[in-house]
Amino acid sequence: MRAELKARILKICDEKIEKKGSNVGLSFYAFFANKNDDPECLMEAAHWWIMEHQLDHFEKATKIKELVLKT
């Protein structure tokens, strides 16, 4: 996973956890704007989420953060 995507995921997870608590769930779409302005990065996140980790559509932000920190 490229460093910029990893940093973006960690930042969004931290923001969501801070605002809504440790039980907050999110999907990989949470890391992107509503516009598809970076399709390669979106596909990288989707591949990591779906193919590599076989995650459900929504997962807890704490779980995602933990997985990203291990990569």
PDB file of N, CA and C in Angstrom:
ATOM      1  N   MET A   1       0.845  -1.174   0.000  1.00  0.00           N
ATOM      2  CA  MET A   1       0.000   0.000   0.000  1.00  0.00           C
ATOM      3  C   MET A   1       0.892   1.239   0.000  1.00  0.00           C
ATOM      4  N   ARG A   2       0.595   2.159  -0.911  1.00  0.00           N
ATOM      5  CA  ARG A   2       1.419   3.372  -0.983  1.00  0.00           C
ATOM      6  C   ARG A   2       1.261   4.219   0.282  1.00  0.00           C
ATOM      7  N   ALA A   3       2.319   4.924   0.615  1.00  0.00           N
ATOM      8  CA  ALA A   3       2.386   5.687   1.862  1.00  0.00           C
ATOM      9  C   ALA A   3       1.279   6.729   1.969  1.00  0.00           C
ATOM     10  N   GLU A   4       0.957   7.398   0.870  1.00  0.00           N
ATOM     11  CA  GLU A   4      -0.074   8.443   0.919  1.00  0.00           C
ATOM     12  C   GLU A   4      -1.449   7.854   1.227  1.00  0.00           C
ATOM     13  N   LEU A   5      -1.752   6.673   0.711  1.00  0.00           N
ATOM     14  CA  LEU A   5      -3.025   6.023   1.008  1.00  0.00           C
ATOM     15  C   LEU A   5      -3.057   5.563   2.456  1.00  0.00           C
ATOM     16  N   LYS A   6      -1.967   4.991   2.909  1.00  0.00           N
ATOM     17  CA  LYS A   6      -1.870   4.554   4.302  1.00  0.00           C
ATOM     18  C   LYS A   6      -2.098   5.736   5.247  1.00  0.00           C
ATOM     19  N   ALA A   7      -1.454   6.853   4.981  1.00  0.00           N
ATOM     20  CA  ALA A   7      -1.602   8.048   5.819  1.00  0.00           C
ATOM     21  C   ALA A   7      -3.042   8.556   5.792  1.00  0.00           C
ATOM     22  N   ARG A   8      -3.665   8.543   4.614  1.00  0.00           N
ATOM     23  CA  ARG A   8      -5.055   9.001   4.480  1.00  0.00           C
ATOM     24  C   ARG A   8      -5.994   8.119   5.296  1.00  0.00           C
ATOM     25  N   ILE A   9      -5.802   6.809   5.209  1.00  0.00           N
ATOM     26  CA  ILE A   9      -6.653   5.879   5.955  1.00  0.00           C
ATOM     27  C   ILE A   9      -6.505   6.087   7.457  1.00  0.00           C
ATOM     28  N   LEU A  10      -5.266   6.200   7.922  1.00  0.00           N
ATOM     29  CA  LEU A  10      -5.041   6.396   9.350  1.00  0.00           C
ATOM     30  C   LEU A  10      -5.650   7.709   9.831  1.00  0.00           C
ATOM     31  N   LYS A  11      -5.522   8.768   9.035  1.00  0.00           N
ATOM     32  CA  LYS A  11      -6.081  10.070   9.400  1.00  0.00           C
ATOM     33  C   LYS A  11      -7.595  10.000   9.515  1.00  0.00           C
ATOM     34  N   ILE A  12      -8.245   9.408   8.517  1.00  0.00           N
ATOM     35  CA  ILE A  12      -9.710   9.304   8.522  1.00  0.00           C
ATOM     36  C   ILE A  12     -10.182   8.428   9.679  1.00  0.00           C
ATOM     37  N   CYS A  13      -9.509   7.316   9.920  1.00  0.00           N
ATOM     38  CA  CYS A  13      -9.875   6.452  11.049  1.00  0.00           C
ATOM     39  C   CYS A  13      -9.780   7.216  12.360  1.00  0.00           C
ATOM     40  N   ASP A  14      -8.686   7.935  12.557  1.00  0.00           N
ATOM     41  CA  ASP A  14      -8.520   8.718  13.789  1.00  0.00           C
ATOM     42  C   ASP A  14      -9.621   9.768  13.938  1.00  0.00           C
ATOM     43  N   GLU A  15      -9.943  10.462  12.849  1.00  0.00           N
ATOM     44  CA  GLU A  15     -10.996  11.483  12.893  1.00  0.00           C
ATOM     45  C   GLU A  15     -12.348  10.875  13.247  1.00  0.00           C
ATOM     46  N   LYS A  16     -12.680   9.765  12.616  1.00  0.00           N
ATOM     47  CA  LYS A  16     -13.975   9.111  12.868  1.00  0.00           C
ATOM     48  C   LYS A  16     -14.055   8.584  14.305  1.00  0.00           C
ATOM     49  N   ILE A  17     -12.974   7.992  14.785  1.00  0.00           N
ATOM     50  CA  ILE A  17     -12.946   7.471  16.147  1.00  0.00           C
ATOM     51  C   ILE A  17     -13.102   8.610  17.143  1.00  0.00           C
ATOM     52  N   GLU A  18     -12.407   9.726  16.887  1.00  0.00           N
ATOM     53  CA  GLU A  18     -12.483  10.880  17.788  1.00  0.00           C
ATOM     54  C   GLU A  18     -13.902  11.462  17.826  1.00  0.00           C
ATOM     55  N   LYS A  19     -14.555  11.552  16.671  1.00  0.00           N
ATOM     56  CA  LYS A  19     -15.889  12.147  16.597  1.00  0.00           C
ATOM     57  C   LYS A  19     -16.988  11.223  17.101  1.00  0.00           C
ATOM     58  N   LYS A  20     -16.890   9.924  16.764  1.00  0.00           N
ATOM     59  CA  LYS A  20     -18.016   9.020  17.008  1.00  0.00           C
ATOM     60  C   LYS A  20     -17.719   7.861  17.953  1.00  0.00           C
ATOM     61  N   GLY A  21     -16.485   7.765  18.437  1.00  0.00           N
ATOM     62  CA  GLY A  21     -16.140   6.707  19.366  1.00  0.00           C
ATOM     63  C   GLY A  21     -15.533   5.495  18.700  1.00  0.00           C
ATOM     64  N   SER A  22     -15.015   4.597  19.510  1.00  0.00           N
ATOM     65  CA  SER A  22     -14.259   3.449  19.013  1.00  0.00           C
ATOM     66  C   SER A  22     -15.124   2.392  18.334  1.00  0.00           C
ATOM     67  N   ASN A  23     -16.420   2.532  18.407  1.00  0.00           N
ATOM     68  CA  ASN A  23     -17.315   1.556  17.802  1.00  0.00           C
ATOM     69  C   ASN A  23     -17.763   1.966  16.398  1.00  0.00           C
ATOM     70  N   VAL A  24     -17.257   3.079  15.897  1.00  0.00           N
ATOM     71  CA  VAL A  24     -17.692   3.595  14.598  1.00  0.00           C
ATOM     72  C   VAL A  24     -17.246   2.678  13.466  1.00  0.00           C
ATOM     73  N   GLY A  25     -18.128   2.492  12.506  1.00  0.00           N
ATOM     74  CA  GLY A  25     -17.819   1.682  11.335  1.00  0.00           C
ATOM     75  C   GLY A  25     -17.675   2.552  10.103  1.00  0.00           C
ATOM     76  N   LEU A  26     -16.938   2.047   9.132  1.00  0.00           N
ATOM     77  CA  LEU A  26     -16.778   2.760   7.867  1.00  0.00           C
ATOM     78  C   LEU A  26     -16.476   1.788   6.756  1.00  0.00           C
ATOM     79  N   SER A  27     -16.614   2.280   5.531  1.00  0.00           N
ATOM     80  CA  SER A  27     -16.265   1.484   4.359  1.00  0.00           C
ATOM     81  C   SER A  27     -15.052   2.121   3.699  1.00  0.00           C
ATOM     82  N   PHE A  28     -14.466   1.460   2.715  1.00  0.00           N
ATOM     83  CA  PHE A  28     -13.287   2.031   2.076  1.00  0.00           C
ATOM     84  C   PHE A  28     -13.618   3.300   1.304  1.00  0.00           C
ATOM     85  N   TYR A  29     -14.889   3.524   1.002  1.00  0.00           N
ATOM     86  CA  TYR A  29     -15.289   4.769   0.347  1.00  0.00           C
ATOM     87  C   TYR A  29     -15.085   5.980   1.259  1.00  0.00           C
ATOM     88  N   ALA A  30     -15.010   5.774   2.558  1.00  0.00           N
ATOM     89  CA  ALA A  30     -14.825   6.877   3.509  1.00  0.00           C
ATOM     90  C   ALA A  30     -13.502   7.606   3.288  1.00  0.00           C
ATOM     91  N   PHE A  31     -12.567   6.983   2.602  1.00  0.00           N
ATOM     92  CA  PHE A  31     -11.250   7.572   2.400  1.00  0.00           C
ATOM     93  C   PHE A  31     -11.155   8.425   1.140  1.00  0.00           C
ATOM     94  N   PHE A  32     -12.294   8.601   0.453  1.00  0.00           N
ATOM     95  CA  PHE A  32     -12.300   9.309  -0.819  1.00  0.00           C
ATOM     96  C   PHE A  32     -13.437  10.313  -0.875  1.00  0.00           C
ATOM     97  N   ALA A  33     -13.251  11.356  -1.685  1.00  0.00           N
ATOM     98  CA  ALA A  33     -14.302  12.333  -1.925  1.00  0.00           C
ATOM     99  C   ALA A  33     -15.414  11.672  -2.740  1.00  0.00           C
ATOM    100  N   ASN A  34     -16.535  12.325  -2.833  1.00  0.00           N
ATOM    101  CA  ASN A  34     -17.647  11.773  -3.614  1.00  0.00           C
ATOM    102  C   ASN A  34     -17.334  11.712  -5.095  1.00  0.00           C
ATOM    103  N   LYS A  35     -16.344  12.468  -5.538  1.00  0.00           N
ATOM    104  CA  LYS A  35     -15.921  12.411  -6.932  1.00  0.00           C
ATOM    105  C   LYS A  35     -14.858  11.332  -7.075  1.00  0.00           C
ATOM    106  N   ASN A  36     -14.841  10.690  -8.208  1.00  0.00           N
ATOM    107  CA  ASN A  36     -13.834   9.672  -8.477  1.00  0.00           C
ATOM    108  C   ASN A  36     -12.628  10.342  -9.144  1.00  0.00           C
ATOM    109  N   ASP A  37     -11.900  11.136  -8.355  1.00  0.00           N
ATOM    110  CA  ASP A  37     -10.786  11.910  -8.910  1.00  0.00           C
ATOM    111  C   ASP A  37      -9.449  11.176  -8.853  1.00  0.00           C
ATOM    112  N   ASP A  38      -9.417  10.006  -8.225  1.00  0.00           N
ATOM    113  CA  ASP A  38      -8.180   9.219  -8.163  1.00  0.00           C
ATOM    114  C   ASP A  38      -8.536   7.733  -8.264  1.00  0.00           C
ATOM    115  N   PRO A  39      -8.938   7.281  -9.439  1.00  0.00           N
ATOM    116  CA  PRO A  39      -9.412   5.898  -9.584  1.00  0.00           C
ATOM    117  C   PRO A  39      -8.364   4.845  -9.240  1.00  0.00           C
ATOM    118  N   GLU A  40      -7.096   5.110  -9.503  1.00  0.00           N
ATOM    119  CA  GLU A  40      -6.055   4.125  -9.177  1.00  0.00           C
ATOM    120  C   GLU A  40      -5.952   3.917  -7.666  1.00  0.00           C
ATOM    121  N   CYS A  41      -5.997   5.005  -6.933  1.00  0.00           N
ATOM    122  CA  CYS A  41      -5.921   4.907  -5.471  1.00  0.00           C
ATOM    123  C   CYS A  41      -7.170   4.229  -4.909  1.00  0.00           C
ATOM    124  N   LEU A  42      -8.330   4.560  -5.479  1.00  0.00           N
ATOM    125  CA  LEU A  42      -9.578   3.925  -5.059  1.00  0.00           C
ATOM    126  C   LEU A  42      -9.518   2.422  -5.287  1.00  0.00           C
ATOM    127  N   MET A  43      -9.011   2.005  -6.444  1.00  0.00           N
ATOM    128  CA  MET A  43      -8.905   0.577  -6.740  1.00  0.00           C
ATOM    129  C   MET A  43      -7.882  -0.106  -5.832  1.00  0.00           C
ATOM    130  N   GLU A  44      -6.814   0.594  -5.496  1.00  0.00           N
ATOM    131  CA  GLU A  44      -5.829   0.043  -4.561  1.00  0.00           C
ATOM    132  C   GLU A  44      -6.469  -0.211  -3.201  1.00  0.00           C
ATOM    133  N   ALA A  45      -7.249   0.756  -2.726  1.00  0.00           N
ATOM    134  CA  ALA A  45      -7.940   0.597  -1.439  1.00  0.00           C
ATOM    135  C   ALA A  45      -8.969  -0.523  -1.518  1.00  0.00           C
ATOM    136  N   ALA A  46      -9.713  -0.576  -2.611  1.00  0.00           N
ATOM    137  CA  ALA A  46     -10.721  -1.623  -2.773  1.00  0.00           C
ATOM    138  C   ALA A  46     -10.070  -3.002  -2.799  1.00  0.00           C
ATOM    139  N   HIS A  47      -8.967  -3.134  -3.510  1.00  0.00           N
ATOM    140  CA  HIS A  47      -8.263  -4.417  -3.584  1.00  0.00           C
ATOM    141  C   HIS A  47      -7.766  -4.832  -2.198  1.00  0.00           C
ATOM    142  N   TRP A  48      -7.165  -3.895  -1.486  1.00  0.00           N
ATOM    143  CA  TRP A  48      -6.664  -4.171  -0.133  1.00  0.00           C
ATOM    144  C   TRP A  48      -7.815  -4.608   0.765  1.00  0.00           C
ATOM    145  N   TRP A  49      -8.937  -3.897   0.702  1.00  0.00           N
ATOM    146  CA  TRP A  49     -10.089  -4.132   1.569  1.00  0.00           C
ATOM    147  C   TRP A  49     -10.777  -5.458   1.230  1.00  0.00           C
ATOM    148  N   ILE A  50     -11.050  -5.663  -0.056  1.00  0.00           N
ATOM    149  CA  ILE A  50     -11.878  -6.803  -0.484  1.00  0.00           C
ATOM    150  C   ILE A  50     -11.062  -8.058  -0.761  1.00  0.00           C
ATOM    151  N   MET A  51     -10.033  -7.934  -1.566  1.00  0.00           N
ATOM    152  CA  MET A  51      -9.282  -9.107  -1.995  1.00  0.00           C
ATOM    153  C   MET A  51      -8.267  -9.585  -0.956  1.00  0.00           C
ATOM    154  N   GLU A  52      -7.493  -8.660  -0.392  1.00  0.00           N
ATOM    155  CA  GLU A  52      -6.448  -9.060   0.543  1.00  0.00           C
ATOM    156  C   GLU A  52      -6.989  -9.433   1.918  1.00  0.00           C
ATOM    157  N   HIS A  53      -7.983  -8.677   2.400  1.00  0.00           N
ATOM    158  CA  HIS A  53      -8.460  -8.895   3.770  1.00  0.00           C
ATOM    159  C   HIS A  53      -9.877  -9.439   3.853  1.00  0.00           C
ATOM    160  N   GLN A  54     -10.574  -9.514   2.721  1.00  0.00           N
ATOM    161  CA  GLN A  54     -11.938 -10.051   2.660  1.00  0.00           C
ATOM    162  C   GLN A  54     -12.836  -9.446   3.743  1.00  0.00           C
ATOM    163  N   LEU A  55     -12.777  -8.122   3.840  1.00  0.00           N
ATOM    164  CA  LEU A  55     -13.556  -7.414   4.849  1.00  0.00           C
ATOM    165  C   LEU A  55     -14.987  -7.212   4.373  1.00  0.00           C
ATOM    166  N   ASP A  56     -15.898  -7.054   5.323  1.00  0.00           N
ATOM    167  CA  ASP A  56     -17.277  -6.710   5.016  1.00  0.00           C
ATOM    168  C   ASP A  56     -17.333  -5.273   4.513  1.00  0.00           C
ATOM    169  N   HIS A  57     -18.485  -4.885   3.990  1.00  0.00           N
ATOM    170  CA  HIS A  57     -18.623  -3.526   3.460  1.00  0.00           C
ATOM    171  C   HIS A  57     -18.315  -2.492   4.550  1.00  0.00           C
ATOM    172  N   PHE A  58     -18.865  -2.670   5.742  1.00  0.00           N
ATOM    173  CA  PHE A  58     -18.573  -1.789   6.869  1.00  0.00           C
ATOM    174  C   PHE A  58     -17.779  -2.552   7.916  1.00  0.00           C
ATOM    175  N   GLU A  59     -16.720  -1.929   8.395  1.00  0.00           N
ATOM    176  CA  GLU A  59     -15.882  -2.493   9.453  1.00  0.00           C
ATOM    177  C   GLU A  59     -15.584  -1.401  10.463  1.00  0.00           C
ATOM    178  N   LYS A  60     -15.231  -1.803  11.659  1.00  0.00           N
ATOM    179  CA  LYS A  60     -14.877  -0.824  12.690  1.00  0.00           C
ATOM    180  C   LYS A  60     -13.579  -0.117  12.312  1.00  0.00           C
ATOM    181  N   ALA A  61     -13.565   1.182  12.537  1.00  0.00           N
ATOM    182  CA  ALA A  61     -12.389   1.995  12.216  1.00  0.00           C
ATOM    183  C   ALA A  61     -11.168   1.508  12.996  1.00  0.00           C
ATOM    184  N   THR A  62     -11.365   1.039  14.210  1.00  0.00           N
ATOM    185  CA  THR A  62     -10.235   0.544  15.010  1.00  0.00           C
ATOM    186  C   THR A  62      -9.608  -0.685  14.366  1.00  0.00           C
ATOM    187  N   LYS A  63     -10.428  -1.548  13.779  1.00  0.00           N
ATOM    188  CA  LYS A  63      -9.910  -2.741  13.096  1.00  0.00           C
ATOM    189  C   LYS A  63      -9.115  -2.357  11.858  1.00  0.00           C
ATOM    190  N   ILE A  64      -9.651  -1.413  11.086  1.00  0.00           N
ATOM    191  CA  ILE A  64      -8.965  -0.961   9.878  1.00  0.00           C
ATOM    192  C   ILE A  64      -7.633  -0.317  10.239  1.00  0.00           C
ATOM    193  N   LYS A  65      -7.641   0.512  11.247  1.00  0.00           N
ATOM    194  CA  LYS A  65      -6.403   1.174  11.679  1.00  0.00           C
ATOM    195  C   LYS A  65      -5.347   0.143  12.082  1.00  0.00           C
ATOM    196  N   GLU A  66      -5.771  -0.862  12.824  1.00  0.00           N
ATOM    197  CA  GLU A  66      -4.860  -1.925  13.259  1.00  0.00           C
ATOM    198  C   GLU A  66      -4.265  -2.664  12.052  1.00  0.00           C
ATOM    199  N   LEU A  67      -5.097  -2.993  11.072  1.00  0.00           N
ATOM    200  CA  LEU A  67      -4.626  -3.692   9.876  1.00  0.00           C
ATOM    201  C   LEU A  67      -3.638  -2.839   9.085  1.00  0.00           C
ATOM    202  N   VAL A  68      -3.922  -1.556   8.947  1.00  0.00           N
ATOM    203  CA  VAL A  68      -3.049  -0.660   8.194  1.00  0.00           C
ATOM    204  C   VAL A  68      -1.708  -0.520   8.894  1.00  0.00           C
ATOM    205  N   LEU A  69      -1.717  -0.420  10.199  1.00  0.00           N
ATOM    206  CA  LEU A  69      -0.465  -0.284  10.948  1.00  0.00           C
ATOM    207  C   LEU A  69       0.412  -1.520  10.832  1.00  0.00           C
ATOM    208  N   LYS A  70      -0.171  -2.666  10.539  1.00  0.00           N
ATOM    209  CA  LYS A  70       0.597  -3.894  10.380  1.00  0.00           C
ATOM    210  C   LYS A  70       1.251  -4.002   9.001  1.00  0.00           C
ATOM    211  N   THR A  71       0.801  -3.172   8.037  1.00  0.00           N
ATOM    212  CA  THR A  71       1.346  -3.262   6.677  1.00  0.00           C
ATOM    213  C   THR A  71       2.563  -2.397   6.502  1.00  0.00           C
TER     214      THR A  71
END
